[in-house]
């Protein structure tokens, strides 16, 4: 049984969280599709899945504020040149 669109998008997002570098390096996805499905629906679903995967992968690789060291003390930050 094939997944619904929401299940497919959820699985794409989960994969992107687990393998962000692979998602950013992979080409456009090739999907096995139902030949009875309308072309515009398939294209829109593929575009949504790709966009969601890339966004999730980028957010997964983005350093959090807690891991980014603060190179200035509060006083140095206040007097630093813009």
PDB file of N, CA and C in Angstrom:
ATOM      1  N   UNK A   1       0.841  -1.174   0.000  1.00  0.00           N
ATOM      2  CA  UNK A   1       0.000   0.000   0.000  1.00  0.00           C
ATOM      3  C   UNK A   1       0.889   1.242   0.000  1.00  0.00           C
ATOM      4  N   UNK A   2       0.612   2.156  -0.879  1.00  0.00           N
ATOM      5  CA  UNK A   2       1.437   3.353  -0.972  1.00  0.00           C
ATOM      6  C   UNK A   2       1.021   4.370   0.091  1.00  0.00           C
ATOM      7  N   UNK A   3       1.977   5.184   0.545  1.00  0.00           N
ATOM      8  CA  UNK A   3       1.663   6.163   1.600  1.00  0.00           C
ATOM      9  C   UNK A   3       0.849   7.332   1.057  1.00  0.00           C
ATOM     10  N   UNK A   4       0.144   8.006   1.941  1.00  0.00           N
ATOM     11  CA  UNK A   4      -0.554   9.228   1.554  1.00  0.00           C
ATOM     12  C   UNK A   4       0.481  10.343   1.409  1.00  0.00           C
ATOM     13  N   UNK A   5       0.054  11.474   0.897  1.00  0.00           N
ATOM     14  CA  UNK A   5       0.970  12.601   0.714  1.00  0.00           C
ATOM     15  C   UNK A   5       1.541  13.045   2.057  1.00  0.00           C
ATOM     16  N   UNK A   6       0.692  13.130   3.077  1.00  0.00           N
ATOM     17  CA  UNK A   6       1.173  13.556   4.396  1.00  0.00           C
ATOM     18  C   UNK A   6       2.175  12.563   4.979  1.00  0.00           C
ATOM     19  N   UNK A   7       1.922  11.268   4.791  1.00  0.00           N
ATOM     20  CA  UNK A   7       2.868  10.256   5.276  1.00  0.00           C
ATOM     21  C   UNK A   7       4.188  10.359   4.523  1.00  0.00           C
ATOM     22  N   UNK A   8       4.104  10.587   3.217  1.00  0.00           N
ATOM     23  CA  UNK A   8       5.307  10.722   2.402  1.00  0.00           C
ATOM     24  C   UNK A   8       6.134  11.926   2.854  1.00  0.00           C
ATOM     25  N   UNK A   9       5.475  13.067   3.056  1.00  0.00           N
ATOM     26  CA  UNK A   9       6.186  14.267   3.498  1.00  0.00           C
ATOM     27  C   UNK A   9       6.784  14.069   4.885  1.00  0.00           C
ATOM     28  N   UNK A  10       6.072  13.378   5.747  1.00  0.00           N
ATOM     29  CA  UNK A  10       6.584  13.094   7.086  1.00  0.00           C
ATOM     30  C   UNK A  10       7.824  12.212   7.022  1.00  0.00           C
ATOM     31  N   UNK A  11       7.803  11.213   6.166  1.00  0.00           N
ATOM     32  CA  UNK A  11       8.969  10.331   6.014  1.00  0.00           C
ATOM     33  C   UNK A  11      10.153  11.081   5.414  1.00  0.00           C
ATOM     34  N   UNK A  12       9.890  11.980   4.481  1.00  0.00           N
ATOM     35  CA  UNK A  12      10.967  12.792   3.904  1.00  0.00           C
ATOM     36  C   UNK A  12      11.612  13.667   4.977  1.00  0.00           C
ATOM     37  N   UNK A  13      10.794  14.272   5.812  1.00  0.00           N
ATOM     38  CA  UNK A  13      11.305  15.121   6.886  1.00  0.00           C
ATOM     39  C   UNK A  13      12.120  14.312   7.883  1.00  0.00           C
ATOM     40  N   UNK A  14      11.632  13.138   8.225  1.00  0.00           N
ATOM     41  CA  UNK A  14      12.356  12.277   9.165  1.00  0.00           C
ATOM     42  C   UNK A  14      13.711  11.866   8.579  1.00  0.00           C
ATOM     43  N   UNK A  15      13.747  11.521   7.301  1.00  0.00           N
ATOM     44  CA  UNK A  15      15.004  11.160   6.660  1.00  0.00           C
ATOM     45  C   UNK A  15      15.969  12.341   6.677  1.00  0.00           C
ATOM     46  N   UNK A  16      15.456  13.533   6.414  1.00  0.00           N
ATOM     47  CA  UNK A  16      16.309  14.726   6.395  1.00  0.00           C
ATOM     48  C   UNK A  16      16.895  15.018   7.771  1.00  0.00           C
ATOM     49  N   UNK A  17      16.132  14.757   8.836  1.00  0.00           N
ATOM     50  CA  UNK A  17      16.664  14.952  10.191  1.00  0.00           C
ATOM     51  C   UNK A  17      17.786  13.970  10.492  1.00  0.00           C
ATOM     52  N   UNK A  18      17.635  12.746  10.012  1.00  0.00           N
ATOM     53  CA  UNK A  18      18.631  11.713  10.298  1.00  0.00           C
ATOM     54  C   UNK A  18      19.872  11.834   9.422  1.00  0.00           C
ATOM     55  N   UNK A  19      19.716  12.299   8.186  1.00  0.00           N
ATOM     56  CA  UNK A  19      20.824  12.343   7.226  1.00  0.00           C
ATOM     57  C   UNK A  19      20.877  13.701   6.514  1.00  0.00           C
ATOM     58  N   UNK A  20      21.121  14.793   7.239  1.00  0.00           N
ATOM     59  CA  UNK A  20      21.070  16.117   6.607  1.00  0.00           C
ATOM     60  C   UNK A  20      22.117  16.326   5.519  1.00  0.00           C
ATOM     61  N   UNK A  21      23.329  15.843   5.719  1.00  0.00           N
ATOM     62  CA  UNK A  21      24.371  16.039   4.704  1.00  0.00           C
ATOM     63  C   UNK A  21      24.028  15.293   3.418  1.00  0.00           C
ATOM     64  N   UNK A  22      23.459  14.116   3.540  1.00  0.00           N
ATOM     65  CA  UNK A  22      23.074  13.344   2.353  1.00  0.00           C
ATOM     66  C   UNK A  22      21.966  14.048   1.581  1.00  0.00           C
ATOM     67  N   UNK A  23      21.039  14.657   2.291  1.00  0.00           N
ATOM     68  CA  UNK A  23      19.937  15.357   1.628  1.00  0.00           C
ATOM     69  C   UNK A  23      20.462  16.551   0.844  1.00  0.00           C
ATOM     70  N   UNK A  24      21.374  17.310   1.439  1.00  0.00           N
ATOM     71  CA  UNK A  24      21.903  18.487   0.753  1.00  0.00           C
ATOM     72  C   UNK A  24      22.774  18.116  -0.437  1.00  0.00           C
ATOM     73  N   UNK A  25      23.356  16.915  -0.424  1.00  0.00           N
ATOM     74  CA  UNK A  25      24.229  16.494  -1.517  1.00  0.00           C
ATOM     75  C   UNK A  25      23.491  15.752  -2.626  1.00  0.00           C
ATOM     76  N   UNK A  26      22.272  15.301  -2.370  1.00  0.00           N
ATOM     77  CA  UNK A  26      21.593  14.466  -3.362  1.00  0.00           C
ATOM     78  C   UNK A  26      20.931  15.309  -4.445  1.00  0.00           C
ATOM     79  N   UNK A  27      20.833  14.739  -5.644  1.00  0.00           N
ATOM     80  CA  UNK A  27      20.139  15.444  -6.726  1.00  0.00           C
ATOM     81  C   UNK A  27      18.632  15.399  -6.502  1.00  0.00           C
ATOM     82  N   UNK A  28      17.885  15.967  -7.428  1.00  0.00           N
ATOM     83  CA  UNK A  28      16.424  15.915  -7.343  1.00  0.00           C
ATOM     84  C   UNK A  28      15.972  14.473  -7.169  1.00  0.00           C
ATOM     85  N   UNK A  29      15.023  14.238  -6.286  1.00  0.00           N
ATOM     86  CA  UNK A  29      14.580  12.860  -6.046  1.00  0.00           C
ATOM     87  C   UNK A  29      13.846  12.267  -7.237  1.00  0.00           C
ATOM     88  N   UNK A  30      14.051  10.983  -7.426  1.00  0.00           N
ATOM     89  CA  UNK A  30      13.312  10.249  -8.447  1.00  0.00           C
ATOM     90  C   UNK A  30      12.281   9.410  -7.714  1.00  0.00           C
ATOM     91  N   UNK A  31      11.031   9.589  -8.063  1.00  0.00           N
ATOM     92  CA  UNK A  31       9.960   8.928  -7.338  1.00  0.00           C
ATOM     93  C   UNK A  31       9.267   7.891  -8.208  1.00  0.00           C
ATOM     94  N   UNK A  32       8.923   6.779  -7.601  1.00  0.00           N
ATOM     95  CA  UNK A  32       8.067   5.803  -8.263  1.00  0.00           C
ATOM     96  C   UNK A  32       6.637   6.269  -8.026  1.00  0.00           C
ATOM     97  N   UNK A  33       5.929   6.569  -9.093  1.00  0.00           N
ATOM     98  CA  UNK A  33       4.611   7.174  -8.938  1.00  0.00           C
ATOM     99  C   UNK A  33       3.527   6.326  -9.585  1.00  0.00           C
ATOM    100  N   UNK A  34       2.326   6.558  -9.130  1.00  0.00           N
ATOM    101  CA  UNK A  34       1.148   5.916  -9.698  1.00  0.00           C
ATOM    102  C   UNK A  34       0.848   6.590 -11.037  1.00  0.00           C
ATOM    103  N   UNK A  35       0.822   5.843 -12.143  1.00  0.00           N
ATOM    104  CA  UNK A  35       0.588   6.475 -13.451  1.00  0.00           C
ATOM    105  C   UNK A  35      -0.797   7.112 -13.574  1.00  0.00           C
ATOM    106  N   UNK A  36      -1.714   6.774 -12.687  1.00  0.00           N
ATOM    107  CA  UNK A  36      -3.055   7.363 -12.743  1.00  0.00           C
ATOM    108  C   UNK A  36      -3.118   8.727 -12.075  1.00  0.00           C
ATOM    109  N   UNK A  37      -2.092   9.096 -11.330  1.00  0.00           N
ATOM    110  CA  UNK A  37      -2.100  10.375 -10.614  1.00  0.00           C
ATOM    111  C   UNK A  37      -1.890  11.529 -11.589  1.00  0.00           C
ATOM    112  N   UNK A  38      -2.555  12.659 -11.362  1.00  0.00           N
ATOM    113  CA  UNK A  38      -2.374  13.817 -12.240  1.00  0.00           C
ATOM    114  C   UNK A  38      -0.958  14.389 -12.117  1.00  0.00           C
ATOM    115  N   UNK A  39      -0.416  14.827 -13.230  1.00  0.00           N
ATOM    116  CA  UNK A  39       0.972  15.305 -13.276  1.00  0.00           C
ATOM    117  C   UNK A  39       1.201  16.510 -12.367  1.00  0.00           C
ATOM    118  N   UNK A  40       0.263  17.451 -12.325  1.00  0.00           N
ATOM    119  CA  UNK A  40       0.470  18.647 -11.494  1.00  0.00           C
ATOM    120  C   UNK A  40       0.513  18.287 -10.012  1.00  0.00           C
ATOM    121  N   UNK A  41      -0.260  17.294  -9.618  1.00  0.00           N
ATOM    122  CA  UNK A  41      -0.248  16.850  -8.218  1.00  0.00           C
ATOM    123  C   UNK A  41       1.106  16.234  -7.871  1.00  0.00           C
ATOM    124  N   UNK A  42       1.641  15.416  -8.770  1.00  0.00           N
ATOM    125  CA  UNK A  42       2.940  14.784  -8.530  1.00  0.00           C
ATOM    126  C   UNK A  42       4.049  15.818  -8.463  1.00  0.00           C
ATOM    127  N   UNK A  43       4.026  16.767  -9.377  1.00  0.00           N
ATOM    128  CA  UNK A  43       5.065  17.798  -9.405  1.00  0.00           C
ATOM    129  C   UNK A  43       5.018  18.644  -8.132  1.00  0.00           C
ATOM    130  N   UNK A  44       3.825  19.040  -7.718  1.00  0.00           N
ATOM    131  CA  UNK A  44       3.679  19.859  -6.518  1.00  0.00           C
ATOM    132  C   UNK A  44       4.112  19.088  -5.265  1.00  0.00           C
ATOM    133  N   UNK A  45       3.746  17.813  -5.197  1.00  0.00           N
ATOM    134  CA  UNK A  45       4.141  16.991  -4.050  1.00  0.00           C
ATOM    135  C   UNK A  45       5.647  16.816  -4.008  1.00  0.00           C
ATOM    136  N   UNK A  46       6.260  16.575  -5.154  1.00  0.00           N
ATOM    137  CA  UNK A  46       7.714  16.417  -5.213  1.00  0.00           C
ATOM    138  C   UNK A  46       8.410  17.708  -4.797  1.00  0.00           C
ATOM    139  N   UNK A  47       7.912  18.836  -5.269  1.00  0.00           N
ATOM    140  CA  UNK A  47       8.510  20.123  -4.907  1.00  0.00           C
ATOM    141  C   UNK A  47       8.363  20.408  -3.409  1.00  0.00           C
ATOM    142  N   UNK A  48       7.199  20.094  -2.845  1.00  0.00           N
ATOM    143  CA  UNK A  48       6.999  20.285  -1.401  1.00  0.00           C
ATOM    144  C   UNK A  48       7.928  19.388  -0.596  1.00  0.00           C
ATOM    145  N   UNK A  49       8.065  18.134  -1.041  1.00  0.00           N
ATOM    146  CA  UNK A  49       8.936  17.192  -0.325  1.00  0.00           C
ATOM    147  C   UNK A  49      10.382  17.660  -0.382  1.00  0.00           C
ATOM    148  N   UNK A  50      10.828  18.071  -1.549  1.00  0.00           N
ATOM    149  CA  UNK A  50      12.209  18.530  -1.711  1.00  0.00           C
ATOM    150  C   UNK A  50      12.475  19.768  -0.849  1.00  0.00           C
ATOM    151  N   UNK A  51      11.567  20.720  -0.886  1.00  0.00           N
ATOM    152  CA  UNK A  51      11.749  21.944  -0.102  1.00  0.00           C
ATOM    153  C   UNK A  51      11.774  21.639   1.391  1.00  0.00           C
ATOM    154  N   UNK A  52      10.877  20.769   1.827  1.00  0.00           N
ATOM    155  CA  UNK A  52      10.834  20.426   3.253  1.00  0.00           C
ATOM    156  C   UNK A  52      12.096  19.685   3.674  1.00  0.00           C
ATOM    157  N   UNK A  53      12.588  18.786   2.822  1.00  0.00           N
ATOM    158  CA  UNK A  53      13.799  18.034   3.156  1.00  0.00           C
ATOM    159  C   UNK A  53      15.009  18.955   3.247  1.00  0.00           C
ATOM    160  N   UNK A  54      15.150  19.862   2.298  1.00  0.00           N
ATOM    161  CA  UNK A  54      16.304  20.768   2.293  1.00  0.00           C
ATOM    162  C   UNK A  54      16.249  21.702   3.502  1.00  0.00           C
ATOM    163  N   UNK A  55      15.079  22.233   3.800  1.00  0.00           N
ATOM    164  CA  UNK A  55      14.942  23.110   4.962  1.00  0.00           C
ATOM    165  C   UNK A  55      15.264  22.373   6.252  1.00  0.00           C
ATOM    166  N   UNK A  56      14.728  21.168   6.394  1.00  0.00           N
ATOM    167  CA  UNK A  56      14.986  20.375   7.601  1.00  0.00           C
ATOM    168  C   UNK A  56      16.464  20.036   7.717  1.00  0.00           C
ATOM    169  N   UNK A  57      17.098  19.676   6.602  1.00  0.00           N
ATOM    170  CA  UNK A  57      18.523  19.336   6.623  1.00  0.00           C
ATOM    171  C   UNK A  57      19.362  20.542   7.028  1.00  0.00           C
ATOM    172  N   UNK A  58      19.046  21.706   6.477  1.00  0.00           N
ATOM    173  CA  UNK A  58      19.807  22.911   6.833  1.00  0.00           C
ATOM    174  C   UNK A  58      19.641  23.262   8.305  1.00  0.00           C
ATOM    175  N   UNK A  59      18.431  23.145   8.806  1.00  0.00           N
ATOM    176  CA  UNK A  59      18.201  23.441  10.221  1.00  0.00           C
ATOM    177  C   UNK A  59      18.885  22.419  11.120  1.00  0.00           C
ATOM    178  N   UNK A  60      18.982  21.178  10.662  1.00  0.00           N
ATOM    179  CA  UNK A  60      19.657  20.146  11.458  1.00  0.00           C
ATOM    180  C   UNK A  60      21.156  20.395  11.538  1.00  0.00           C
ATOM    181  N   UNK A  61      21.727  20.959  10.489  1.00  0.00           N
ATOM    182  CA  UNK A  61      23.168  21.216  10.464  1.00  0.00           C
ATOM    183  C   UNK A  61      23.546  22.563  11.071  1.00  0.00           C
ATOM    184  N   UNK A  62      22.576  23.435  11.274  1.00  0.00           N
ATOM    185  CA  UNK A  62      22.843  24.768  11.807  1.00  0.00           C
ATOM    186  C   UNK A  62      23.251  24.664  13.273  1.00  0.00           C
ATOM    187  N   UNK A  63      24.364  25.303  13.652  1.00  0.00           N
ATOM    188  CA  UNK A  63      24.779  25.230  15.061  1.00  0.00           C
ATOM    189  C   UNK A  63      23.798  25.991  15.946  1.00  0.00           C
ATOM    190  N   UNK A  64      23.595  25.491  17.134  1.00  0.00           N
ATOM    191  CA  UNK A  64      22.715  26.171  18.082  1.00  0.00           C
ATOM    192  C   UNK A  64      23.513  27.234  18.821  1.00  0.00           C
ATOM    193  N   UNK A  65      22.821  28.155  19.460  1.00  0.00           N
ATOM    194  CA  UNK A  65      23.501  29.228  20.189  1.00  0.00           C
ATOM    195  C   UNK A  65      24.326  28.678  21.338  1.00  0.00           C
ATOM    196  N   UNK A  66      23.904  27.594  21.927  1.00  0.00           N
ATOM    197  CA  UNK A  66      24.631  27.027  23.063  1.00  0.00           C
ATOM    198  C   UNK A  66      25.987  26.477  22.640  1.00  0.00           C
ATOM    199  N   UNK A  67      26.107  25.990  21.407  1.00  0.00           N
ATOM    200  CA  UNK A  67      27.370  25.420  20.953  1.00  0.00           C
ATOM    201  C   UNK A  67      28.273  26.459  20.297  1.00  0.00           C
ATOM    202  N   UNK A  68      27.741  27.636  19.969  1.00  0.00           N
ATOM    203  CA  UNK A  68      28.545  28.682  19.353  1.00  0.00           C
ATOM    204  C   UNK A  68      29.224  29.486  20.457  1.00  0.00           C
ATOM    205  N   UNK A  69      30.561  29.496  20.489  1.00  0.00           N
ATOM    206  CA  UNK A  69      31.235  30.218  21.575  1.00  0.00           C
ATOM    207  C   UNK A  69      31.092  31.730  21.408  1.00  0.00           C
ATOM    208  N   UNK A  70      30.954  32.427  22.523  1.00  0.00           N
ATOM    209  CA  UNK A  70      30.901  33.879  22.521  1.00  0.00           C
ATOM    210  C   UNK A  70      32.335  34.374  22.675  1.00  0.00           C
ATOM    211  N   UNK A  71      32.842  35.042  21.648  1.00  0.00           N
ATOM    212  CA  UNK A  71      34.241  35.461  21.645  1.00  0.00           C
ATOM    213  C   UNK A  71      34.473  36.753  22.430  1.00  0.00           C
ATOM    214  N   UNK A  72      33.418  37.465  22.767  1.00  0.00           N
ATOM    215  CA  UNK A  72      33.554  38.718  23.496  1.00  0.00           C
ATOM    216  C   UNK A  72      32.845  38.620  24.839  1.00  0.00           C
ATOM    217  N   UNK A  73      33.381  39.313  25.814  1.00  0.00           N
ATOM    218  CA  UNK A  73      32.664  39.455  27.084  1.00  0.00           C
ATOM    219  C   UNK A  73      31.579  40.512  26.880  1.00  0.00           C
ATOM    220  N   UNK A  74      30.718  40.692  27.839  1.00  0.00           N
ATOM    221  CA  UNK A  74      29.642  41.676  27.718  1.00  0.00           C
ATOM    222  C   UNK A  74      30.208  43.086  27.537  1.00  0.00           C
ATOM    223  N   UNK A  75      31.282  43.427  28.258  1.00  0.00           N
ATOM    224  CA  UNK A  75      31.874  44.757  28.160  1.00  0.00           C
ATOM    225  C   UNK A  75      32.497  44.967  26.777  1.00  0.00           C
ATOM    226  N   UNK A  76      33.197  43.969  26.256  1.00  0.00           N
ATOM    227  CA  UNK A  76      33.812  44.095  24.935  1.00  0.00           C
ATOM    228  C   UNK A  76      32.756  44.210  23.847  1.00  0.00           C
ATOM    229  N   UNK A  77      31.647  43.502  23.989  1.00  0.00           N
ATOM    230  CA  UNK A  77      30.567  43.583  23.005  1.00  0.00           C
ATOM    231  C   UNK A  77      29.954  44.970  22.993  1.00  0.00           C
ATOM    232  N   UNK A  78      29.832  45.591  24.148  1.00  0.00           N
ATOM    233  CA  UNK A  78      29.227  46.920  24.243  1.00  0.00           C
ATOM    234  C   UNK A  78      30.112  47.983  23.613  1.00  0.00           C
ATOM    235  N   UNK A  79      31.424  47.780  23.634  1.00  0.00           N
ATOM    236  CA  UNK A  79      32.338  48.797  23.106  1.00  0.00           C
ATOM    237  C   UNK A  79      32.899  48.436  21.735  1.00  0.00           C
ATOM    238  N   UNK A  80      32.486  47.318  21.169  1.00  0.00           N
ATOM    239  CA  UNK A  80      33.017  46.884  19.870  1.00  0.00           C
ATOM    240  C   UNK A  80      32.533  47.806  18.760  1.00  0.00           C
ATOM    241  N   UNK A  81      33.372  47.973  17.745  1.00  0.00           N
ATOM    242  CA  UNK A  81      33.003  48.793  16.596  1.00  0.00           C
ATOM    243  C   UNK A  81      31.958  48.050  15.758  1.00  0.00           C
ATOM    244  N   UNK A  82      31.006  48.784  15.172  1.00  0.00           N
ATOM    245  CA  UNK A  82      29.975  48.119  14.360  1.00  0.00           C
ATOM    246  C   UNK A  82      30.501  47.582  13.062  1.00  0.00           C
TER     247      UNK A  82
END
